[in-house]
Amino acid sequence: MKLSVSLSARNQIPGTLKDIKKGQTTSHLKIDIGGHIVTASITNEAVDDLQLKIGDSVWAIIKASDVMVAK
């Protein structure tokens, strides 16, 4: 699967949509990328516009200046 748009983000990872949990305004999506789960938060409107459903092939596109983890 190849992404058919050009983006400045270098981290474009194909995966499979495993779960969608809709809140009042924001949905939390679980994307399986090779056995690892990435969670994305997007608007409910975006979920509807993209017609996302569990099992869809999707892209996790990551553009961040920092990733912080603490324990």
N, C-alpha and C. Protein backbone atom coordinates (compact mmCIF):
# COMPACT_ATOMS: atom_id res chain seq x y z
N MET A 1 0.85 -1.18 0.00
CA MET A 1 0.00 0.00 0.00
C MET A 1 0.90 1.24 0.00
N LYS A 2 0.63 2.19 -0.90
CA LYS A 2 1.41 3.41 -0.98
C LYS A 2 0.50 4.60 -0.77
N LEU A 3 0.95 5.54 0.04
CA LEU A 3 0.19 6.75 0.28
C LEU A 3 0.23 7.60 -0.98
N SER A 4 -0.93 8.09 -1.42
CA SER A 4 -1.00 8.78 -2.71
C SER A 4 -1.00 10.30 -2.61
N VAL A 5 -0.53 10.84 -1.49
CA VAL A 5 -0.37 12.29 -1.35
C VAL A 5 1.06 12.55 -0.89
N SER A 6 1.53 13.77 -1.11
CA SER A 6 2.87 14.14 -0.65
C SER A 6 2.75 14.89 0.68
N LEU A 7 3.56 14.48 1.63
CA LEU A 7 3.55 15.11 2.95
C LEU A 7 4.97 15.41 3.39
N SER A 8 5.12 16.42 4.26
CA SER A 8 6.44 16.71 4.80
C SER A 8 6.81 15.72 5.91
N ALA A 9 5.83 15.10 6.53
CA ALA A 9 6.10 14.13 7.59
C ALA A 9 6.81 12.91 7.00
N ARG A 10 7.92 12.53 7.58
CA ARG A 10 8.70 11.39 7.09
C ARG A 10 8.21 10.07 7.66
N ASN A 11 7.56 10.10 8.80
CA ASN A 11 7.12 8.87 9.46
C ASN A 11 5.71 8.52 9.02
N GLN A 12 5.60 7.81 7.91
CA GLN A 12 4.32 7.40 7.34
C GLN A 12 4.27 5.87 7.42
N ILE A 13 3.48 5.37 8.37
CA ILE A 13 3.50 3.95 8.68
C ILE A 13 2.14 3.31 8.36
N PRO A 14 2.10 2.35 7.45
CA PRO A 14 0.82 1.69 7.15
C PRO A 14 0.42 0.74 8.28
N GLY A 15 -0.88 0.64 8.48
CA GLY A 15 -1.37 -0.25 9.52
C GLY A 15 -2.83 -0.60 9.30
N THR A 16 -3.39 -1.27 10.29
CA THR A 16 -4.79 -1.70 10.25
C THR A 16 -5.52 -1.12 11.45
N LEU A 17 -6.67 -0.51 11.19
CA LEU A 17 -7.46 0.09 12.25
C LEU A 17 -8.12 -1.01 13.07
N LYS A 18 -7.80 -1.06 14.36
CA LYS A 18 -8.28 -2.13 15.24
C LYS A 18 -9.41 -1.71 16.16
N ASP A 19 -9.50 -0.40 16.50
CA ASP A 19 -10.53 0.04 17.44
C ASP A 19 -10.78 1.53 17.27
N ILE A 20 -12.04 1.92 17.45
CA ILE A 20 -12.44 3.32 17.45
C ILE A 20 -13.30 3.54 18.68
N LYS A 21 -12.87 4.47 19.55
CA LYS A 21 -13.68 4.83 20.71
C LYS A 21 -14.03 6.30 20.59
N LYS A 22 -15.32 6.57 20.31
CA LYS A 22 -15.77 7.95 20.14
C LYS A 22 -16.13 8.56 21.49
N GLY A 23 -15.63 9.76 21.72
CA GLY A 23 -16.03 10.55 22.88
C GLY A 23 -16.98 11.63 22.41
N GLN A 24 -17.13 12.69 23.22
CA GLN A 24 -18.05 13.76 22.84
C GLN A 24 -17.60 14.49 21.59
N THR A 25 -16.29 14.77 21.50
CA THR A 25 -15.77 15.51 20.34
C THR A 25 -14.60 14.82 19.67
N THR A 26 -13.93 13.92 20.40
CA THR A 26 -12.69 13.31 19.93
C THR A 26 -12.81 11.79 19.94
N SER A 27 -12.24 11.18 18.92
CA SER A 27 -12.17 9.72 18.86
C SER A 27 -10.74 9.27 19.10
N HIS A 28 -10.59 8.13 19.76
CA HIS A 28 -9.28 7.51 19.98
C HIS A 28 -9.24 6.26 19.12
N LEU A 29 -8.26 6.21 18.23
CA LEU A 29 -8.12 5.10 17.31
C LEU A 29 -6.91 4.26 17.68
N LYS A 30 -7.04 2.95 17.61
CA LYS A 30 -5.93 2.02 17.81
C LYS A 30 -5.56 1.46 16.45
N ILE A 31 -4.29 1.66 16.07
CA ILE A 31 -3.79 1.21 14.77
C ILE A 31 -2.70 0.18 15.00
N ASP A 32 -2.87 -1.00 14.40
CA ASP A 32 -1.88 -2.06 14.51
C ASP A 32 -0.85 -1.87 13.40
N ILE A 33 0.41 -1.65 13.82
CA ILE A 33 1.50 -1.52 12.84
C ILE A 33 2.51 -2.63 13.13
N GLY A 34 2.33 -3.73 12.47
CA GLY A 34 3.24 -4.86 12.63
C GLY A 34 3.25 -5.46 14.02
N GLY A 35 2.09 -5.54 14.65
CA GLY A 35 2.00 -6.13 15.98
C GLY A 35 2.15 -5.12 17.11
N HIS A 36 2.46 -3.88 16.78
CA HIS A 36 2.54 -2.80 17.78
C HIS A 36 1.34 -1.90 17.57
N ILE A 37 0.77 -1.40 18.67
CA ILE A 37 -0.41 -0.54 18.59
C ILE A 37 0.00 0.92 18.78
N VAL A 38 -0.44 1.75 17.84
CA VAL A 38 -0.29 3.20 17.93
C VAL A 38 -1.68 3.77 18.19
N THR A 39 -1.79 4.69 19.14
CA THR A 39 -3.06 5.35 19.43
C THR A 39 -3.05 6.75 18.85
N ALA A 40 -4.11 7.09 18.14
CA ALA A 40 -4.25 8.43 17.57
C ALA A 40 -5.54 9.05 18.09
N SER A 41 -5.51 10.35 18.34
CA SER A 41 -6.70 11.10 18.73
C SER A 41 -7.05 12.05 17.60
N ILE A 42 -8.24 11.88 17.04
CA ILE A 42 -8.71 12.76 15.97
C ILE A 42 -10.15 13.15 16.26
N THR A 43 -10.65 14.15 15.58
CA THR A 43 -12.03 14.58 15.81
C THR A 43 -13.02 13.54 15.31
N ASN A 44 -14.18 13.52 15.92
CA ASN A 44 -15.26 12.66 15.45
C ASN A 44 -15.63 13.02 14.01
N GLU A 45 -15.57 14.30 13.69
CA GLU A 45 -15.88 14.75 12.34
C GLU A 45 -14.91 14.12 11.33
N ALA A 46 -13.62 14.03 11.69
CA ALA A 46 -12.63 13.42 10.80
C ALA A 46 -12.91 11.93 10.61
N VAL A 47 -13.31 11.24 11.68
CA VAL A 47 -13.67 9.82 11.57
C VAL A 47 -14.81 9.66 10.57
N ASP A 48 -15.82 10.53 10.70
CA ASP A 48 -16.98 10.45 9.80
C ASP A 48 -16.59 10.80 8.37
N ASP A 49 -15.81 11.89 8.19
CA ASP A 49 -15.41 12.33 6.85
C ASP A 49 -14.60 11.25 6.13
N LEU A 50 -13.72 10.56 6.87
CA LEU A 50 -12.88 9.51 6.29
C LEU A 50 -13.62 8.18 6.20
N GLN A 51 -14.82 8.13 6.76
CA GLN A 51 -15.63 6.90 6.78
C GLN A 51 -14.83 5.73 7.35
N LEU A 52 -14.14 5.99 8.46
CA LEU A 52 -13.29 4.98 9.07
C LEU A 52 -14.12 3.89 9.74
N LYS A 53 -13.63 2.65 9.58
CA LYS A 53 -14.25 1.52 10.27
C LYS A 53 -13.17 0.50 10.62
N ILE A 54 -13.44 -0.26 11.65
CA ILE A 54 -12.49 -1.27 12.10
C ILE A 54 -12.17 -2.22 10.95
N GLY A 55 -10.88 -2.51 10.79
CA GLY A 55 -10.42 -3.39 9.72
C GLY A 55 -9.87 -2.63 8.52
N ASP A 56 -10.11 -1.30 8.47
CA ASP A 56 -9.60 -0.50 7.36
C ASP A 56 -8.07 -0.47 7.36
N SER A 57 -7.49 -0.43 6.17
CA SER A 57 -6.07 -0.14 6.02
C SER A 57 -5.91 1.38 6.11
N VAL A 58 -5.05 1.83 7.02
CA VAL A 58 -4.86 3.26 7.26
C VAL A 58 -3.38 3.56 7.37
N TRP A 59 -3.05 4.83 7.45
CA TRP A 59 -1.67 5.28 7.66
C TRP A 59 -1.59 6.01 8.99
N ALA A 60 -0.60 5.68 9.81
CA ALA A 60 -0.25 6.48 10.98
C ALA A 60 0.83 7.43 10.49
N ILE A 61 0.52 8.71 10.46
CA ILE A 61 1.47 9.72 9.99
C ILE A 61 1.89 10.53 11.21
N ILE A 62 3.16 10.42 11.55
CA ILE A 62 3.66 11.00 12.80
C ILE A 62 4.56 12.18 12.49
N LYS A 63 4.17 13.34 12.99
CA LYS A 63 4.97 14.56 12.81
C LYS A 63 5.06 15.19 14.20
N ALA A 64 6.20 15.06 14.82
CA ALA A 64 6.37 15.61 16.17
C ALA A 64 7.81 16.06 16.35
N SER A 65 7.96 17.14 17.06
CA SER A 65 9.32 17.61 17.36
C SER A 65 9.89 16.91 18.57
N ASP A 66 9.02 16.42 19.46
CA ASP A 66 9.47 15.74 20.69
C ASP A 66 8.60 14.53 20.96
N VAL A 67 9.20 13.53 21.53
CA VAL A 67 8.46 12.41 22.12
C VAL A 67 9.01 12.24 23.51
N MET A 68 8.15 12.41 24.52
CA MET A 68 8.60 12.30 25.91
C MET A 68 7.94 11.11 26.58
N VAL A 69 8.73 10.37 27.34
CA VAL A 69 8.23 9.24 28.10
C VAL A 69 8.85 9.32 29.48
N ALA A 70 8.03 9.09 30.50
CA ALA A 70 8.53 9.07 31.87
C ALA A 70 7.90 7.91 32.61
N LYS A 71 8.62 7.48 33.66
CA LYS A 71 8.06 6.40 34.46
C LYS A 71 8.30 6.71 35.92
